[in-house]
C-alpha atoms as a PDB file:
ATOM      1  CA  UNK A   1      49.728 125.029  94.888  1.00  0.00           C
ATOM      2  CA  UNK A   2      51.361 121.487  94.164  1.00  0.00           C
ATOM      3  CA  UNK A   3      49.922 118.122  95.638  1.00  0.00           C
ATOM      4  CA  UNK A   4      52.442 114.955  96.355  1.00  0.00           C
ATOM      5  CA  UNK A   5      51.250 112.087  93.676  1.00  0.00           C
ATOM      6  CA  UNK A   6      50.301 109.556  96.497  1.00  0.00           C
ATOM      7  CA  UNK A   7      47.954 112.056  98.246  1.00  0.00           C
ATOM      8  CA  UNK A   8      44.851 110.826  96.165  1.00  0.00           C
ATOM      9  CA  UNK A   9      45.704 107.183  97.353  1.00  0.00           C
ATOM     10  CA  UNK A  10      46.665 108.671 101.283  1.00  0.00           C
ATOM     11  CA  UNK A  11      43.016 110.077 101.145  1.00  0.00           C
ATOM     12  CA  UNK A  12      41.333 106.902  99.604  1.00  0.00           C
ATOM     13  CA  UNK A  13      42.832 104.755 102.547  1.00  0.00           C
ATOM     14  CA  UNK A  14      41.313 106.925 105.176  1.00  0.00           C
ATOM     15  CA  UNK A  15      38.385 107.877 104.061  1.00  0.00           C
ATOM     16  CA  UNK A  16      36.584 104.628 105.674  1.00  0.00           C
ATOM     17  CA  UNK A  17      37.948 105.707 108.877  1.00  0.00           C
ATOM     18  CA  UNK A  18      36.613 109.227 108.409  1.00  0.00           C
ATOM     19  CA  UNK A  19      32.868 107.061 108.979  1.00  0.00           C
ATOM     20  CA  UNK A  20      33.932 105.011 112.364  1.00  0.00           C
ATOM     21  CA  UNK A  21      32.425 107.456 114.383  1.00  0.00           C
ATOM     22  CA  UNK A  22      29.042 107.086 112.647  1.00  0.00           C
ATOM     23  CA  UNK A  23      28.956 103.621 113.354  1.00  0.00           C
ATOM     24  CA  UNK A  24      30.022 103.530 117.098  1.00  0.00           C
ATOM     25  CA  UNK A  25      27.750 106.109 117.794  1.00  0.00           C
ATOM     26  CA  UNK A  26      24.641 104.235 116.590  1.00  0.00           C
ATOM     27  CA  UNK A  27      26.364 101.394 118.226  1.00  0.00           C
ATOM     28  CA  UNK A  28      26.593 102.841 121.606  1.00  0.00           C
ATOM     29  CA  UNK A  29      23.046 104.376 121.516  1.00  0.00           C
ATOM     30  CA  UNK A  30      22.107 100.347 121.507  1.00  0.00           C
ATOM     31  CA  UNK A  31      23.722 100.479 125.215  1.00  0.00           C
ATOM     32  CA  UNK A  32      22.723 104.043 126.064  1.00  0.00           C
ATOM     33  CA  UNK A  33      18.865 103.367 124.849  1.00  0.00           C
ATOM     34  CA  UNK A  34      19.399 100.105 126.931  1.00  0.00           C
ATOM     35  CA  UNK A  35      20.947 101.347 129.947  1.00  0.00           C
ATOM     36  CA  UNK A  36      18.797 104.455 130.177  1.00  0.00           C
ATOM     37  CA  UNK A  37      15.766 101.919 131.134  1.00  0.00           C
ATOM     38  CA  UNK A  38      17.660 100.723 133.999  1.00  0.00           C
ATOM     39  CA  UNK A  39      17.901 101.720 137.979  1.00  0.00           C
ATOM     40  CA  UNK A  40      21.666 103.089 137.040  1.00  0.00           C
ATOM     41  CA  UNK A  41      22.433 103.922 133.617  1.00  0.00           C
ATOM     42  CA  UNK A  42      26.015 104.513 134.978  1.00  0.00           C
ATOM     43  CA  UNK A  43      26.524 101.454 136.309  1.00  0.00           C
ATOM     44  CA  UNK A  44      24.877  99.657 133.311  1.00  0.00           C
ATOM     45  CA  UNK A  45      27.231 101.342 130.886  1.00  0.00           C
ATOM     46  CA  UNK A  46      30.603 100.898 133.128  1.00  0.00           C
ATOM     47  CA  UNK A  47      29.470  97.183 133.382  1.00  0.00           C
ATOM     48  CA  UNK A  48      28.030  96.507 129.967  1.00  0.00           C
ATOM     49  CA  UNK A  49      31.937  98.126 128.459  1.00  0.00           C
ATOM     50  CA  UNK A  50      33.889  95.887 130.365  1.00  0.00           C
ATOM     51  CA  UNK A  51      32.920  93.163 127.795  1.00  0.00           C
ATOM     52  CA  UNK A  52      34.527  94.166 124.517  1.00  0.00           C
ATOM     53  CA  UNK A  53      31.845  93.107 122.056  1.00  0.00           C
ATOM     54  CA  UNK A  54      29.059  94.844 124.073  1.00  0.00           C
ATOM     55  CA  UNK A  55      29.968  97.870 121.954  1.00  0.00           C
ATOM     56  CA  UNK A  56      28.247  96.103 118.974  1.00  0.00           C
ATOM     57  CA  UNK A  57      25.393  94.195 120.378  1.00  0.00           C
ATOM     58  CA  UNK A  58      22.117  94.350 119.828  1.00  0.00           C
ATOM     59  CA  UNK A  59      19.404  94.390 122.458  1.00  0.00           C
ATOM     60  CA  UNK A  60      19.169  90.344 122.905  1.00  0.00           C
ATOM     61  CA  UNK A  61      23.360  90.189 122.611  1.00  0.00           C
ATOM     62  CA  UNK A  62      23.361  92.185 125.497  1.00  0.00           C
ATOM     63  CA  UNK A  63      20.618  90.720 127.817  1.00  0.00           C
ATOM     64  CA  UNK A  64      22.866  87.281 127.147  1.00  0.00           C
ATOM     65  CA  UNK A  65      25.944  89.610 127.864  1.00  0.00           C
ATOM     66  CA  UNK A  66      25.065  91.566 131.571  1.00  0.00           C
ATOM     67  CA  UNK A  67      23.308  87.750 132.087  1.00  0.00           C
ATOM     68  CA  UNK A  68      26.814  86.273 132.457  1.00  0.00           C
ATOM     69  CA  UNK A  69      28.197  89.445 134.207  1.00  0.00           C
ATOM     70  CA  UNK A  70      25.836  88.205 136.759  1.00  0.00           C
ATOM     71  CA  UNK A  71      26.466  84.975 136.911  1.00  0.00           C
ATOM     72  CA  UNK A  72      30.183  85.685 136.960  1.00  0.00           C
ATOM     73  CA  UNK A  73      29.333  88.497 139.739  1.00  0.00           C
ATOM     74  CA  UNK A  74      27.411  85.477 141.318  1.00  0.00           C
ATOM     75  CA  UNK A  75      29.766  82.831 141.250  1.00  0.00           C
ATOM     76  CA  UNK A  76      32.383  85.182 142.482  1.00  0.00           C
ATOM     77  CA  UNK A  77      30.516  86.622 145.321  1.00  0.00           C
ATOM     78  CA  UNK A  78      30.067  82.992 146.389  1.00  0.00           C
ATOM     79  CA  UNK A  79      33.382  81.903 146.251  1.00  0.00           C
ATOM     80  CA  UNK A  80      34.143  85.190 148.457  1.00  0.00           C
ATOM     81  CA  UNK A  81      31.649  84.331 150.893  1.00  0.00           C
ATOM     82  CA  UNK A  82      33.058  80.326 151.041  1.00  0.00           C
ATOM     83  CA  UNK A  83      36.406  81.887 151.955  1.00  0.00           C
ATOM     84  CA  UNK A  84      34.969  84.324 154.879  1.00  0.00           C
ATOM     85  CA  UNK A  85      33.253  81.751 156.005  1.00  0.00           C
ATOM     86  CA  UNK A  86      36.160  79.285 156.796  1.00  0.00           C
ATOM     87  CA  UNK A  87      38.123  82.919 158.162  1.00  0.00           C
ATOM     88  CA  UNK A  88      35.129  83.656 161.000  1.00  0.00           C
ATOM     89  CA  UNK A  89      36.490  83.361 163.751  1.00  0.00           C
ATOM     90  CA  UNK A  90      32.901  84.174 165.732  1.00  0.00           C
ATOM     91  CA  UNK A  91      30.878  81.860 165.606  1.00  0.00           C
ATOM     92  CA  UNK A  92      27.925  84.249 164.621  1.00  0.00           C
ATOM     93  CA  UNK A  93      30.388  85.620 161.641  1.00  0.00           C
ATOM     94  CA  UNK A  94      30.431  81.934 160.297  1.00  0.00           C
ATOM     95  CA  UNK A  95      26.515  81.783 160.489  1.00  0.00           C
ATOM     96  CA  UNK A  96      26.303  84.870 158.765  1.00  0.00           C
ATOM     97  CA  UNK A  97      28.709  84.478 155.726  1.00  0.00           C
ATOM     98  CA  UNK A  98      27.258  80.389 155.436  1.00  0.00           C
ATOM     99  CA  UNK A  99      23.633  81.949 154.914  1.00  0.00           C
ATOM    100  CA  UNK A 100      24.671  84.269 152.618  1.00  0.00           C
ATOM    101  CA  UNK A 101      26.659  81.752 150.703  1.00  0.00           C
ATOM    102  CA  UNK A 102      23.343  79.684 150.412  1.00  0.00           C
ATOM    103  CA  UNK A 103      21.555  82.847 149.453  1.00  0.00           C
ATOM    104  CA  UNK A 104      23.882  83.434 146.303  1.00  0.00           C
ATOM    105  CA  UNK A 105      24.444  79.646 145.706  1.00  0.00           C
ATOM    106  CA  UNK A 106      20.676  79.622 145.496  1.00  0.00           C
ATOM    107  CA  UNK A 107      20.817  82.319 142.859  1.00  0.00           C
ATOM    108  CA  UNK A 108      22.936  80.085 140.309  1.00  0.00           C
ATOM    109  CA  UNK A 109      20.622  77.560 139.017  1.00  0.00           C
ATOM    110  CA  UNK A 110      18.274  79.933 137.857  1.00  0.00           C
ATOM    111  CA  UNK A 111      20.408  82.093 136.154  1.00  0.00           C
ATOM    112  CA  UNK A 112      21.408  78.814 134.410  1.00  0.00           C
ATOM    113  CA  UNK A 113      17.368  78.414 133.497  1.00  0.00           C
ATOM    114  CA  UNK A 114      17.407  81.647 132.646  1.00  0.00           C
ATOM    115  CA  UNK A 115      20.057  81.493 130.105  1.00  0.00           C
ATOM    116  CA  UNK A 116      18.436  78.536 128.584  1.00  0.00           C
ATOM    117  CA  UNK A 117      15.013  80.191 128.471  1.00  0.00           C
ATOM    118  CA  UNK A 118      16.298  83.332 126.815  1.00  0.00           C
ATOM    119  CA  UNK A 119      18.403  81.355 124.048  1.00  0.00           C
ATOM    120  CA  UNK A 120      15.293  79.826 123.383  1.00  0.00           C
ATOM    121  CA  UNK A 121      13.416  82.670 122.694  1.00  0.00           C
ATOM    122  CA  UNK A 122      11.141  81.946 126.094  1.00  0.00           C
ATOM    123  CA  UNK A 123      11.740  86.238 127.066  1.00  0.00           C
ATOM    124  CA  UNK A 124       9.018  85.825 129.740  1.00  0.00           C
ATOM    125  CA  UNK A 125       9.997  82.941 131.240  1.00  0.00           C
ATOM    126  CA  UNK A 126      13.929  83.831 131.350  1.00  0.00           C
ATOM    127  CA  UNK A 127      12.736  87.114 133.065  1.00  0.00           C
ATOM    128  CA  UNK A 128      11.315  85.136 135.511  1.00  0.00           C
ATOM    129  CA  UNK A 129      13.580  83.166 136.389  1.00  0.00           C
ATOM    130  CA  UNK A 130      14.813  86.287 138.085  1.00  0.00           C
ATOM    131  CA  UNK A 131      11.895  87.030 140.434  1.00  0.00           C
ATOM    132  CA  UNK A 132      12.614  84.714 143.186  1.00  0.00           C
ATOM    133  CA  UNK A 133      16.232  85.656 143.863  1.00  0.00           C
ATOM    134  CA  UNK A 134      16.324  89.139 143.151  1.00  0.00           C
ATOM    135  CA  UNK A 135      16.289  90.390 146.429  1.00  0.00           C
ATOM    136  CA  UNK A 136      19.175  88.169 148.383  1.00  0.00           C
ATOM    137  CA  UNK A 137      21.986  90.102 147.731  1.00  0.00           C
ATOM    138  CA  UNK A 138      21.300  93.045 149.230  1.00  0.00           C
ATOM    139  CA  UNK A 139      19.356  91.086 151.955  1.00  0.00           C
ATOM    140  CA  UNK A 140      22.777  89.307 152.419  1.00  0.00           C
ATOM    141  CA  UNK A 141      24.848  92.732 152.206  1.00  0.00           C
ATOM    142  CA  UNK A 142      22.422  93.987 155.086  1.00  0.00           C
ATOM    143  CA  UNK A 143      23.527  90.575 156.964  1.00  0.00           C
ATOM    144  CA  UNK A 144      26.996  90.664 155.938  1.00  0.00           C
ATOM    145  CA  UNK A 145      27.864  94.389 156.659  1.00  0.00           C
ATOM    146  CA  UNK A 146      30.169  95.935 154.297  1.00  0.00           C
ATOM    147  CA  UNK A 147      32.290  93.262 153.253  1.00  0.00           C
ATOM    148  CA  UNK A 148      29.229  92.125 151.238  1.00  0.00           C
ATOM    149  CA  UNK A 149      27.659  95.248 150.498  1.00  0.00           C
ATOM    150  CA  UNK A 150      29.579  96.287 147.020  1.00  0.00           C
ATOM    151  CA  UNK A 151      29.154  92.333 146.107  1.00  0.00           C
ATOM    152  CA  UNK A 152      25.914  92.947 146.833  1.00  0.00           C
ATOM    153  CA  UNK A 153      24.882  95.536 145.475  1.00  0.00           C
ATOM    154  CA  UNK A 154      26.521  95.102 142.342  1.00  0.00           C
ATOM    155  CA  UNK A 155      24.421  91.532 142.178  1.00  0.00           C
ATOM    156  CA  UNK A 156      21.534  93.416 142.638  1.00  0.00           C
ATOM    157  CA  UNK A 157      22.146  96.174 139.517  1.00  0.00           C
ATOM    158  CA  UNK A 158      23.036  93.361 137.235  1.00  0.00           C
ATOM    159  CA  UNK A 159      20.432  91.139 137.713  1.00  0.00           C
ATOM    160  CA  UNK A 160      18.012  94.224 137.620  1.00  0.00           C
ATOM    161  CA  UNK A 161      19.869  95.021 134.616  1.00  0.00           C
ATOM    162  CA  UNK A 162      19.383  91.755 132.893  1.00  0.00           C
ATOM    163  CA  UNK A 163      15.824  91.281 133.548  1.00  0.00           C
ATOM    164  CA  UNK A 164      15.092  94.883 132.650  1.00  0.00           C
ATOM    165  CA  UNK A 165      17.162  93.746 128.902  1.00  0.00           C
ATOM    166  CA  UNK A 166      15.599  90.342 128.580  1.00  0.00           C
ATOM    167  CA  UNK A 167      11.895  92.396 128.968  1.00  0.00           C
ATOM    168  CA  UNK A 168      12.897  94.964 126.286  1.00  0.00           C
ATOM    169  CA  UNK A 169      13.800  91.875 124.227  1.00  0.00           C
ATOM    170  CA  UNK A 170      10.596  90.116 124.315  1.00  0.00           C
ATOM    171  CA  UNK A 171       8.480  93.087 123.265  1.00  0.00           C
END
C-alpha cells in the first residue's frame, strides 16, 4: 500500500488535536467537581458554561465568574423590578415591587465588597458578605409572585454557588 508523500506531515499537523479532549476533560473536571458541591449542579454548570473562559478556570476564577454572574443577575432583576413598579396599577403591587427592588438593591453593595475581599484573598470575609442578603431574592419571589420567581430563584442559586466556590477556594 502506497502512502501519499504529504501523509506524515498531515499526521504531524493533526497530532496536537488528538490531545485536546484530554485537556478539555481535565478542565471540565474542575467545574464538575465544584458544581457537584452546590445545591443544584445542573444549574451551576449551565450558568458557568455561559461564560467562555469558565472551561479553563481554576476554582478561585470560577468563584469570581460566579460572583460576576450573580452581580449581573441582581442588577438586572433590580432594573426589572423598577420597571414593574412603574407599570403596576394597584398600590399593593407598586408597594410589593418597591419592597423587592429595595431588597435586590441592598444586595449590590455586599456583592461589590465580596469581590474586593475575594480578590485580596480574604476569602472568609468575602463569603460572609453573602450571609445577610442570601434569602432576599427568594423572599421577593414569594411576595411578588410568578413574575419574579425565576429571577429570585436564579439569584438565590447563583449566590449559593458563589459562596460555596469562595469557601472551597479558602480551604
